[in-house]
Amino acid sequence: MKTPDPYLEVIEQAMDSVTKDLAVIRKGFKDRGIKVYDGHQMTNGVHAEYLCRGYHGKMHLQWGLIKAEVFVLMRKHLGLDVTKYIPNPDMRSNFAEK
């Protein structure tokens, strides 16, 4: 059975929204001198090493945090209301478009 066109349109709009957000985040990283040079998945989360203005750092994100973030971002990109999860969605990220 073929997927109905309205569903495909919603998915395409979500993919376009994700692409735009990713471009903003990448530009924000570049503007701030942040470069992630190593990242890998582990059983308890994702580990990344980065360089920021000459300083090396490490970050570890637990799967629970990642899952919660994906939960909200999926809804945002599908055009659903996320204000019940985040009081002010525009203030959520330092990389948000203004």
PDB file of N, CA and C in Angstrom:
ATOM      1  N   MET A   1       0.836  -1.180   0.000  1.00  0.00           N
ATOM      2  CA  MET A   1       0.000   0.000   0.000  1.00  0.00           C
ATOM      3  C   MET A   1       0.883   1.247   0.000  1.00  0.00           C
ATOM      4  N   LYS A   2       0.543   2.182  -0.841  1.00  0.00           N
ATOM      5  CA  LYS A   2       1.316   3.408  -0.984  1.00  0.00           C
ATOM      6  C   LYS A   2       0.991   4.381   0.157  1.00  0.00           C
ATOM      7  N   THR A   3       2.015   5.089   0.642  1.00  0.00           N
ATOM      8  CA  THR A   3       1.811   6.083   1.694  1.00  0.00           C
ATOM      9  C   THR A   3       1.070   7.281   1.102  1.00  0.00           C
ATOM     10  N   PRO A   4      -0.021   7.708   1.745  1.00  0.00           N
ATOM     11  CA  PRO A   4      -0.793   8.851   1.225  1.00  0.00           C
ATOM     12  C   PRO A   4       0.043  10.128   1.156  1.00  0.00           C
ATOM     13  N   ASP A   5      -0.239  10.940   0.150  1.00  0.00           N
ATOM     14  CA  ASP A   5       0.518  12.169  -0.090  1.00  0.00           C
ATOM     15  C   ASP A   5       0.593  13.117   1.106  1.00  0.00           C
ATOM     16  N   PRO A   6      -0.491  13.336   1.863  1.00  0.00           N
ATOM     17  CA  PRO A   6      -0.364  14.260   3.008  1.00  0.00           C
ATOM     18  C   PRO A   6       0.705  13.826   4.016  1.00  0.00           C
ATOM     19  N   TYR A   7       0.827  12.525   4.243  1.00  0.00           N
ATOM     20  CA  TYR A   7       1.860  12.041   5.166  1.00  0.00           C
ATOM     21  C   TYR A   7       3.250  12.312   4.606  1.00  0.00           C
ATOM     22  N   LEU A   8       3.402  12.097   3.306  1.00  0.00           N
ATOM     23  CA  LEU A   8       4.696  12.358   2.671  1.00  0.00           C
ATOM     24  C   LEU A   8       5.053  13.840   2.758  1.00  0.00           C
ATOM     25  N   GLU A   9       4.065  14.715   2.574  1.00  0.00           N
ATOM     26  CA  GLU A   9       4.318  16.154   2.669  1.00  0.00           C
ATOM     27  C   GLU A   9       4.772  16.546   4.070  1.00  0.00           C
ATOM     28  N   VAL A  10       4.131  15.995   5.091  1.00  0.00           N
ATOM     29  CA  VAL A  10       4.513  16.296   6.475  1.00  0.00           C
ATOM     30  C   VAL A  10       5.937  15.824   6.738  1.00  0.00           C
ATOM     31  N   ILE A  11       6.272  14.643   6.266  1.00  0.00           N
ATOM     32  CA  ILE A  11       7.618  14.103   6.460  1.00  0.00           C
ATOM     33  C   ILE A  11       8.646  14.956   5.725  1.00  0.00           C
ATOM     34  N   GLU A  12       8.333  15.372   4.492  1.00  0.00           N
ATOM     35  CA  GLU A  12       9.259  16.216   3.731  1.00  0.00           C
ATOM     36  C   GLU A  12       9.462  17.568   4.417  1.00  0.00           C
ATOM     37  N   GLN A  13       8.382  18.153   4.950  1.00  0.00           N
ATOM     38  CA  GLN A  13       8.503  19.421   5.670  1.00  0.00           C
ATOM     39  C   GLN A  13       9.367  19.252   6.920  1.00  0.00           C
ATOM     40  N   ALA A  14       9.186  18.140   7.619  1.00  0.00           N
ATOM     41  CA  ALA A  14       9.998  17.870   8.810  1.00  0.00           C
ATOM     42  C   ALA A  14      11.468  17.733   8.429  1.00  0.00           C
ATOM     43  N   MET A  15      11.743  17.032   7.338  1.00  0.00           N
ATOM     44  CA  MET A  15      13.137  16.865   6.900  1.00  0.00           C
ATOM     45  C   MET A  15      13.746  18.212   6.520  1.00  0.00           C
ATOM     46  N   ASP A  16      12.973  19.071   5.854  1.00  0.00           N
ATOM     47  CA  ASP A  16      13.464  20.413   5.511  1.00  0.00           C
ATOM     48  C   ASP A  16      13.748  21.229   6.773  1.00  0.00           C
ATOM     49  N   SER A  17      12.874  21.111   7.760  1.00  0.00           N
ATOM     50  CA  SER A  17      13.047  21.823   9.028  1.00  0.00           C
ATOM     51  C   SER A  17      14.310  21.361   9.750  1.00  0.00           C
ATOM     52  N   VAL A  18      14.546  20.060   9.762  1.00  0.00           N
ATOM     53  CA  VAL A  18      15.752  19.506  10.391  1.00  0.00           C
ATOM     54  C   VAL A  18      16.996  20.020   9.670  1.00  0.00           C
ATOM     55  N   THR A  19      16.961  20.032   8.344  1.00  0.00           N
ATOM     56  CA  THR A  19      18.101  20.505   7.557  1.00  0.00           C
ATOM     57  C   THR A  19      18.417  21.963   7.885  1.00  0.00           C
ATOM     58  N   LYS A  20      17.380  22.796   8.001  1.00  0.00           N
ATOM     59  CA  LYS A  20      17.590  24.211   8.340  1.00  0.00           C
ATOM     60  C   LYS A  20      18.180  24.359   9.741  1.00  0.00           C
ATOM     61  N   ASP A  21      17.634  23.615  10.702  1.00  0.00           N
ATOM     62  CA  ASP A  21      18.165  23.667  12.074  1.00  0.00           C
ATOM     63  C   ASP A  21      19.626  23.235  12.121  1.00  0.00           C
ATOM     64  N   LEU A  22      19.946  22.187  11.394  1.00  0.00           N
ATOM     65  CA  LEU A  22      21.316  21.676  11.373  1.00  0.00           C
ATOM     66  C   LEU A  22      22.272  22.715  10.788  1.00  0.00           C
ATOM     67  N   ALA A  23      21.833  23.423   9.755  1.00  0.00           N
ATOM     68  CA  ALA A  23      22.667  24.473   9.161  1.00  0.00           C
ATOM     69  C   ALA A  23      22.931  25.587  10.176  1.00  0.00           C
ATOM     70  N   VAL A  24      21.907  25.961  10.947  1.00  0.00           N
ATOM     71  CA  VAL A  24      22.061  27.000  11.975  1.00  0.00           C
ATOM     72  C   VAL A  24      23.042  26.536  13.052  1.00  0.00           C
ATOM     73  N   ILE A  25      22.915  25.281  13.470  1.00  0.00           N
ATOM     74  CA  ILE A  25      23.804  24.740  14.503  1.00  0.00           C
ATOM     75  C   ILE A  25      25.243  24.679  14.004  1.00  0.00           C
ATOM     76  N   ARG A  26      25.430  24.204  12.777  1.00  0.00           N
ATOM     77  CA  ARG A  26      26.792  24.129  12.218  1.00  0.00           C
ATOM     78  C   ARG A  26      27.417  25.520  12.111  1.00  0.00           C
ATOM     79  N   LYS A  27      26.619  26.492  11.668  1.00  0.00           N
ATOM     80  CA  LYS A  27      27.122  27.867  11.580  1.00  0.00           C
ATOM     81  C   LYS A  27      27.473  28.386  12.974  1.00  0.00           C
ATOM     82  N   GLY A  28      26.636  28.078  13.953  1.00  0.00           N
ATOM     83  CA  GLY A  28      26.915  28.490  15.328  1.00  0.00           C
ATOM     84  C   GLY A  28      28.207  27.896  15.846  1.00  0.00           C
ATOM     85  N   PHE A  29      28.433  26.625  15.548  1.00  0.00           N
ATOM     86  CA  PHE A  29      29.692  25.981  15.941  1.00  0.00           C
ATOM     87  C   PHE A  29      30.868  26.695  15.281  1.00  0.00           C
ATOM     88  N   LYS A  30      30.752  26.946  13.984  1.00  0.00           N
ATOM     89  CA  LYS A  30      31.843  27.585  13.255  1.00  0.00           C
ATOM     90  C   LYS A  30      32.109  28.988  13.796  1.00  0.00           C
ATOM     91  N   ASP A  31      31.038  29.765  14.013  1.00  0.00           N
ATOM     92  CA  ASP A  31      31.187  31.129  14.530  1.00  0.00           C
ATOM     93  C   ASP A  31      31.838  31.153  15.910  1.00  0.00           C
ATOM     94  N   ARG A  32      31.609  30.120  16.700  1.00  0.00           N
ATOM     95  CA  ARG A  32      32.139  30.057  18.064  1.00  0.00           C
ATOM     96  C   ARG A  32      33.459  29.285  18.151  1.00  0.00           C
ATOM     97  N   GLY A  33      33.958  28.824  17.018  1.00  0.00           N
ATOM     98  CA  GLY A  33      35.228  28.110  17.004  1.00  0.00           C
ATOM     99  C   GLY A  33      35.168  26.735  17.637  1.00  0.00           C
ATOM    100  N   ILE A  34      34.043  26.048  17.468  1.00  0.00           N
ATOM    101  CA  ILE A  34      33.872  24.712  18.048  1.00  0.00           C
ATOM    102  C   ILE A  34      33.996  23.668  16.950  1.00  0.00           C
ATOM    103  N   LYS A  35      34.820  22.668  17.198  1.00  0.00           N
ATOM    104  CA  LYS A  35      34.960  21.570  16.246  1.00  0.00           C
ATOM    105  C   LYS A  35      34.902  20.249  17.006  1.00  0.00           C
ATOM    106  N   VAL A  36      33.953  19.396  16.636  1.00  0.00           N
ATOM    107  CA  VAL A  36      33.866  18.054  17.218  1.00  0.00           C
ATOM    108  C   VAL A  36      34.735  17.160  16.347  1.00  0.00           C
ATOM    109  N   TYR A  37      35.774  16.575  16.937  1.00  0.00           N
ATOM    110  CA  TYR A  37      36.697  15.780  16.135  1.00  0.00           C
ATOM    111  C   TYR A  37      36.615  14.289  16.412  1.00  0.00           C
ATOM    112  N   ASP A  38      35.882  13.883  17.427  1.00  0.00           N
ATOM    113  CA  ASP A  38      35.713  12.451  17.676  1.00  0.00           C
ATOM    114  C   ASP A  38      34.387  12.235  18.385  1.00  0.00           C
ATOM    115  N   GLY A  39      33.666  11.263  17.945  1.00  0.00           N
ATOM    116  CA  GLY A  39      32.408  10.929  18.599  1.00  0.00           C
ATOM    117  C   GLY A  39      32.075   9.476  18.358  1.00  0.00           C
ATOM    118  N   HIS A  40      31.574   8.813  19.389  1.00  0.00           N
ATOM    119  CA  HIS A  40      31.180   7.423  19.205  1.00  0.00           C
ATOM    120  C   HIS A  40      30.105   7.036  20.214  1.00  0.00           C
ATOM    121  N   GLN A  41      29.332   6.049  19.811  1.00  0.00           N
ATOM    122  CA  GLN A  41      28.266   5.552  20.672  1.00  0.00           C
ATOM    123  C   GLN A  41      28.818   4.507  21.618  1.00  0.00           C
ATOM    124  N   MET A  42      28.310   4.569  22.850  1.00  0.00           N
ATOM    125  CA  MET A  42      28.678   3.581  23.855  1.00  0.00           C
ATOM    126  C   MET A  42      27.383   2.982  24.394  1.00  0.00           C
ATOM    127  N   THR A  43      27.485   1.985  25.234  1.00  0.00           N
ATOM    128  CA  THR A  43      26.276   1.344  25.755  1.00  0.00           C
ATOM    129  C   THR A  43      25.437   2.288  26.605  1.00  0.00           C
ATOM    130  N   ASN A  44      26.072   3.255  27.262  1.00  0.00           N
ATOM    131  CA  ASN A  44      25.321   4.152  28.140  1.00  0.00           C
ATOM    132  C   ASN A  44      25.116   5.555  27.578  1.00  0.00           C
ATOM    133  N   GLY A  45      25.549   5.794  26.334  1.00  0.00           N
ATOM    134  CA  GLY A  45      25.338   7.109  25.741  1.00  0.00           C
ATOM    135  C   GLY A  45      26.288   7.392  24.596  1.00  0.00           C
ATOM    136  N   VAL A  46      26.459   8.667  24.311  1.00  0.00           N
ATOM    137  CA  VAL A  46      27.334   9.115  23.227  1.00  0.00           C
ATOM    138  C   VAL A  46      28.463   9.935  23.839  1.00  0.00           C
ATOM    139  N   HIS A  47      29.667   9.650  23.415  1.00  0.00           N
ATOM    140  CA  HIS A  47      30.859  10.346  23.899  1.00  0.00           C
ATOM    141  C   HIS A  47      31.437  11.152  22.738  1.00  0.00           C
ATOM    142  N   ALA A  48      31.806  12.401  22.994  1.00  0.00           N
ATOM    143  CA  ALA A  48      32.398  13.246  21.959  1.00  0.00           C
ATOM    144  C   ALA A  48      33.576  14.019  22.533  1.00  0.00           C
ATOM    145  N   GLU A  49      34.555  14.231  21.688  1.00  0.00           N
ATOM    146  CA  GLU A  49      35.690  15.084  22.031  1.00  0.00           C
ATOM    147  C   GLU A  49      35.665  16.260  21.072  1.00  0.00           C
ATOM    148  N   TYR A  50      35.966  17.444  21.602  1.00  0.00           N
ATOM    149  CA  TYR A  50      35.839  18.645  20.791  1.00  0.00           C
ATOM    150  C   TYR A  50      36.976  19.615  21.079  1.00  0.00           C
ATOM    151  N   LEU A  51      37.114  20.564  20.183  1.00  0.00           N
ATOM    152  CA  LEU A  51      38.088  21.638  20.302  1.00  0.00           C
ATOM    153  C   LEU A  51      37.308  22.947  20.265  1.00  0.00           C
ATOM    154  N   CYS A  52      37.515  23.793  21.255  1.00  0.00           N
ATOM    155  CA  CYS A  52      36.821  25.085  21.307  1.00  0.00           C
ATOM    156  C   CYS A  52      37.833  26.175  21.625  1.00  0.00           C
ATOM    157  N   ARG A  53      38.123  26.986  20.633  1.00  0.00           N
ATOM    158  CA  ARG A  53      39.065  28.100  20.787  1.00  0.00           C
ATOM    159  C   ARG A  53      40.394  27.665  21.391  1.00  0.00           C
ATOM    160  N   GLY A  54      40.903  26.544  20.912  1.00  0.00           N
ATOM    161  CA  GLY A  54      42.198  26.050  21.360  1.00  0.00           C
ATOM    162  C   GLY A  54      42.167  25.116  22.548  1.00  0.00           C
ATOM    163  N   TYR A  55      41.026  24.955  23.173  1.00  0.00           N
ATOM    164  CA  TYR A  55      40.905  24.069  24.333  1.00  0.00           C
ATOM    165  C   TYR A  55      40.210  22.774  23.938  1.00  0.00           C
ATOM    166  N   HIS A  56      40.776  21.663  24.386  1.00  0.00           N
ATOM    167  CA  HIS A  56      40.166  20.359  24.135  1.00  0.00           C
ATOM    168  C   HIS A  56      39.201  20.037  25.266  1.00  0.00           C
ATOM    169  N   GLY A  57      38.098  19.402  24.904  1.00  0.00           N
ATOM    170  CA  GLY A  57      37.121  19.013  25.914  1.00  0.00           C
ATOM    171  C   GLY A  57      36.456  17.704  25.551  1.00  0.00           C
ATOM    172  N   LYS A  58      35.781  17.139  26.528  1.00  0.00           N
ATOM    173  CA  LYS A  58      35.050  15.886  26.327  1.00  0.00           C
ATOM    174  C   LYS A  58      33.627  16.080  26.827  1.00  0.00           C
ATOM    175  N   MET A  59      32.710  15.385  26.187  1.00  0.00           N
ATOM    176  CA  MET A  59      31.313  15.456  26.597  1.00  0.00           C
ATOM    177  C   MET A  59      30.701  14.069  26.481  1.00  0.00           C
ATOM    178  N   HIS A  60      29.866  13.756  27.436  1.00  0.00           N
ATOM    179  CA  HIS A  60      29.157  12.478  27.398  1.00  0.00           C
ATOM    180  C   HIS A  60      27.676  12.752  27.616  1.00  0.00           C
ATOM    181  N   LEU A  61      26.841  12.269  26.708  1.00  0.00           N
ATOM    182  CA  LEU A  61      25.393  12.425  26.831  1.00  0.00           C
ATOM    183  C   LEU A  61      24.768  11.058  27.058  1.00  0.00           C
ATOM    184  N   GLN A  62      24.000  10.938  28.123  1.00  0.00           N
ATOM    185  CA  GLN A  62      23.316   9.680  28.451  1.00  0.00           C
ATOM    186  C   GLN A  62      22.167   9.451  27.468  1.00  0.00           C
ATOM    187  N   TRP A  63      21.865   8.194  27.199  1.00  0.00           N
ATOM    188  CA  TRP A  63      20.786   7.861  26.270  1.00  0.00           C
ATOM    189  C   TRP A  63      19.450   8.451  26.718  1.00  0.00           C
ATOM    190  N   GLY A  64      19.195   8.517  28.003  1.00  0.00           N
ATOM    191  CA  GLY A  64      17.934   9.080  28.494  1.00  0.00           C
ATOM    192  C   GLY A  64      17.753  10.530  28.075  1.00  0.00           C
ATOM    193  N   LEU A  65      18.834  11.311  28.163  1.00  0.00           N
ATOM    194  CA  LEU A  65      18.797  12.709  27.744  1.00  0.00           C
ATOM    195  C   LEU A  65      18.584  12.813  26.237  1.00  0.00           C
ATOM    196  N   ILE A  66      19.293  11.991  25.494  1.00  0.00           N
ATOM    197  CA  ILE A  66      19.165  12.000  24.034  1.00  0.00           C
ATOM    198  C   ILE A  66      17.742  11.631  23.628  1.00  0.00           C
ATOM    199  N   LYS A  67      17.190  10.617  24.270  1.00  0.00           N
ATOM    200  CA  LYS A  67      15.824  10.177  23.965  1.00  0.00           C
ATOM    201  C   LYS A  67      14.821  11.300  24.234  1.00  0.00           C
ATOM    202  N   ALA A  68      14.974  11.996  25.352  1.00  0.00           N
ATOM    203  CA  ALA A  68      14.072  13.101  25.686  1.00  0.00           C
ATOM    204  C   ALA A  68      14.194  14.232  24.665  1.00  0.00           C
ATOM    205  N   GLU A  69      15.411  14.527  24.254  1.00  0.00           N
ATOM    206  CA  GLU A  69      15.648  15.580  23.265  1.00  0.00           C
ATOM    207  C   GLU A  69      15.021  15.213  21.921  1.00  0.00           C
ATOM    208  N   VAL A  70      15.207  13.972  21.497  1.00  0.00           N
ATOM    209  CA  VAL A  70      14.626  13.503  20.232  1.00  0.00           C
ATOM    210  C   VAL A  70      13.104  13.566  20.298  1.00  0.00           C
ATOM    211  N   PHE A  71      12.530  13.191  21.426  1.00  0.00           N
ATOM    212  CA  PHE A  71      11.084  13.218  21.654  1.00  0.00           C
ATOM    213  C   PHE A  71      10.523  14.619  21.366  1.00  0.00           C
ATOM    214  N   VAL A  72      11.180  15.645  21.887  1.00  0.00           N
ATOM    215  CA  VAL A  72      10.716  17.020  21.706  1.00  0.00           C
ATOM    216  C   VAL A  72      11.010  17.514  20.290  1.00  0.00           C
ATOM    217  N   LEU A  73      12.217  17.262  19.796  1.00  0.00           N
ATOM    218  CA  LEU A  73      12.583  17.760  18.469  1.00  0.00           C
ATOM    219  C   LEU A  73      11.747  17.135  17.357  1.00  0.00           C
ATOM    220  N   MET A  74      11.411  15.860  17.482  1.00  0.00           N
ATOM    221  CA  MET A  74      10.536  15.228  16.482  1.00  0.00           C
ATOM    222  C   MET A  74       9.212  15.970  16.401  1.00  0.00           C
ATOM    223  N   ARG A  75       8.641  16.248  17.546  1.00  0.00           N
ATOM    224  CA  ARG A  75       7.362  16.955  17.575  1.00  0.00           C
ATOM    225  C   ARG A  75       7.491  18.368  16.994  1.00  0.00           C
ATOM    226  N   LYS A  76       8.583  19.044  17.342  1.00  0.00           N
ATOM    227  CA  LYS A  76       8.802  20.397  16.817  1.00  0.00           C
ATOM    228  C   LYS A  76       8.862  20.376  15.293  1.00  0.00           C
ATOM    229  N   HIS A  77       9.645  19.468  14.737  1.00  0.00           N
ATOM    230  CA  HIS A  77       9.832  19.426  13.287  1.00  0.00           C
ATOM    231  C   HIS A  77       8.602  18.910  12.549  1.00  0.00           C
ATOM    232  N   LEU A  78       7.736  18.194  13.240  1.00  0.00           N
ATOM    233  CA  LEU A  78       6.479  17.750  12.628  1.00  0.00           C
ATOM    234  C   LEU A  78       5.389  18.810  12.764  1.00  0.00           C
ATOM    235  N   GLY A  79       5.734  19.937  13.383  1.00  0.00           N
ATOM    236  CA  GLY A  79       4.791  21.039  13.503  1.00  0.00           C
ATOM    237  C   GLY A  79       3.841  20.924  14.678  1.00  0.00           C
ATOM    238  N   LEU A  80       4.159  20.059  15.632  1.00  0.00           N
ATOM    239  CA  LEU A  80       3.316  19.888  16.809  1.00  0.00           C
ATOM    240  C   LEU A  80       3.727  20.872  17.900  1.00  0.00           C
ATOM    241  N   ASP A  81       2.835  21.131  18.826  1.00  0.00           N
ATOM    242  CA  ASP A  81       3.088  22.060  19.926  1.00  0.00           C
ATOM    243  C   ASP A  81       4.048  21.431  20.939  1.00  0.00           C
ATOM    244  N   VAL A  82       5.157  22.104  21.188  1.00  0.00           N
ATOM    245  CA  VAL A  82       6.130  21.592  22.159  1.00  0.00           C
ATOM    246  C   VAL A  82       6.191  22.457  23.414  1.00  0.00           C
ATOM    247  N   THR A  83       5.311  23.438  23.520  1.00  0.00           N
ATOM    248  CA  THR A  83       5.371  24.338  24.673  1.00  0.00           C
ATOM    249  C   THR A  83       5.091  23.625  25.988  1.00  0.00           C
ATOM    250  N   LYS A  84       4.385  22.514  25.954  1.00  0.00           N
ATOM    251  CA  LYS A  84       4.157  21.795  27.213  1.00  0.00           C
ATOM    252  C   LYS A  84       5.421  21.084  27.691  1.00  0.00           C
ATOM    253  N   TYR A  85       6.389  20.913  26.799  1.00  0.00           N
ATOM    254  CA  TYR A  85       7.666  20.295  27.166  1.00  0.00           C
ATOM    255  C   TYR A  85       8.720  21.350  27.458  1.00  0.00           C
ATOM    256  N   ILE A  86       8.626  22.482  26.763  1.00  0.00           N
ATOM    257  CA  ILE A  86       9.600  23.562  26.893  1.00  0.00           C
ATOM    258  C   ILE A  86       8.817  24.869  27.006  1.00  0.00           C
ATOM    259  N   PRO A  87       8.934  25.587  28.118  1.00  0.00           N
ATOM    260  CA  PRO A  87       8.152  26.814  28.289  1.00  0.00           C
ATOM    261  C   PRO A  87       8.376  27.849  27.184  1.00  0.00           C
ATOM    262  N   ASN A  88       9.622  28.030  26.733  1.00  0.00           N
ATOM    263  CA  ASN A  88       9.922  28.997  25.680  1.00  0.00           C
ATOM    264  C   ASN A  88      10.847  28.346  24.662  1.00  0.00           C
ATOM    265  N   PRO A  89      10.283  27.690  23.633  1.00  0.00           N
ATOM    266  CA  PRO A  89      11.101  26.937  22.673  1.00  0.00           C
ATOM    267  C   PRO A  89      12.163  27.775  21.969  1.00  0.00           C
ATOM    268  N   ASP A  90      11.925  29.078  21.781  1.00  0.00           N
ATOM    269  CA  ASP A  90      12.896  29.909  21.076  1.00  0.00           C
ATOM    270  C   ASP A  90      14.147  30.183  21.904  1.00  0.00           C
ATOM    271  N   MET A  91      14.069  30.034  23.218  1.00  0.00           N
ATOM    272  CA  MET A  91      15.206  30.306  24.090  1.00  0.00           C
ATOM    273  C   MET A  91      15.969  29.034  24.438  1.00  0.00           C
ATOM    274  N   ARG A  92      15.636  27.952  23.827  1.00  0.00           N
ATOM    275  CA  ARG A  92      16.164  26.647  24.169  1.00  0.00           C
ATOM    276  C   ARG A  92      17.631  26.462  23.797  1.00  0.00           C
ATOM    277  N   SER A  93      18.040  27.072  22.726  1.00  0.00           N
ATOM    278  CA  SER A  93      19.384  26.832  22.221  1.00  0.00           C
ATOM    279  C   SER A  93      20.105  28.155  21.988  1.00  0.00           C
ATOM    280  N   ASN A  94      21.397  28.150  22.191  1.00  0.00           N
ATOM    281  CA  ASN A  94      22.200  29.323  21.860  1.00  0.00           C
ATOM    282  C   ASN A  94      22.296  29.522  20.359  1.00  0.00           C
ATOM    283  N   PHE A  95      21.898  28.505  19.591  1.00  0.00           N
ATOM    284  CA  PHE A  95      22.003  28.564  18.144  1.00  0.00           C
ATOM    285  C   PHE A  95      20.662  28.863  17.484  1.00  0.00           C
ATOM    286  N   ALA A  96      19.640  29.188  18.276  1.00  0.00           N
ATOM    287  CA  ALA A  96      18.306  29.448  17.715  1.00  0.00           C
ATOM    288  C   ALA A  96      18.358  30.662  16.798  1.00  0.00           C
ATOM    289  N   GLU A  97      17.581  30.604  15.736  1.00  0.00           N
ATOM    290  CA  GLU A  97      17.498  31.735  14.819  1.00  0.00           C
ATOM    291  C   GLU A  97      16.789  32.879  15.512  1.00  0.00           C
ATOM    292  N   LYS A  98      17.210  34.071  15.211  1.00  0.00           N
ATOM    293  CA  LYS A  98      16.585  35.242  15.838  1.00  0.00           C
ATOM    294  C   LYS A  98      15.869  36.057  14.812  1.00  0.00           C
TER     295      LYS A  98
END
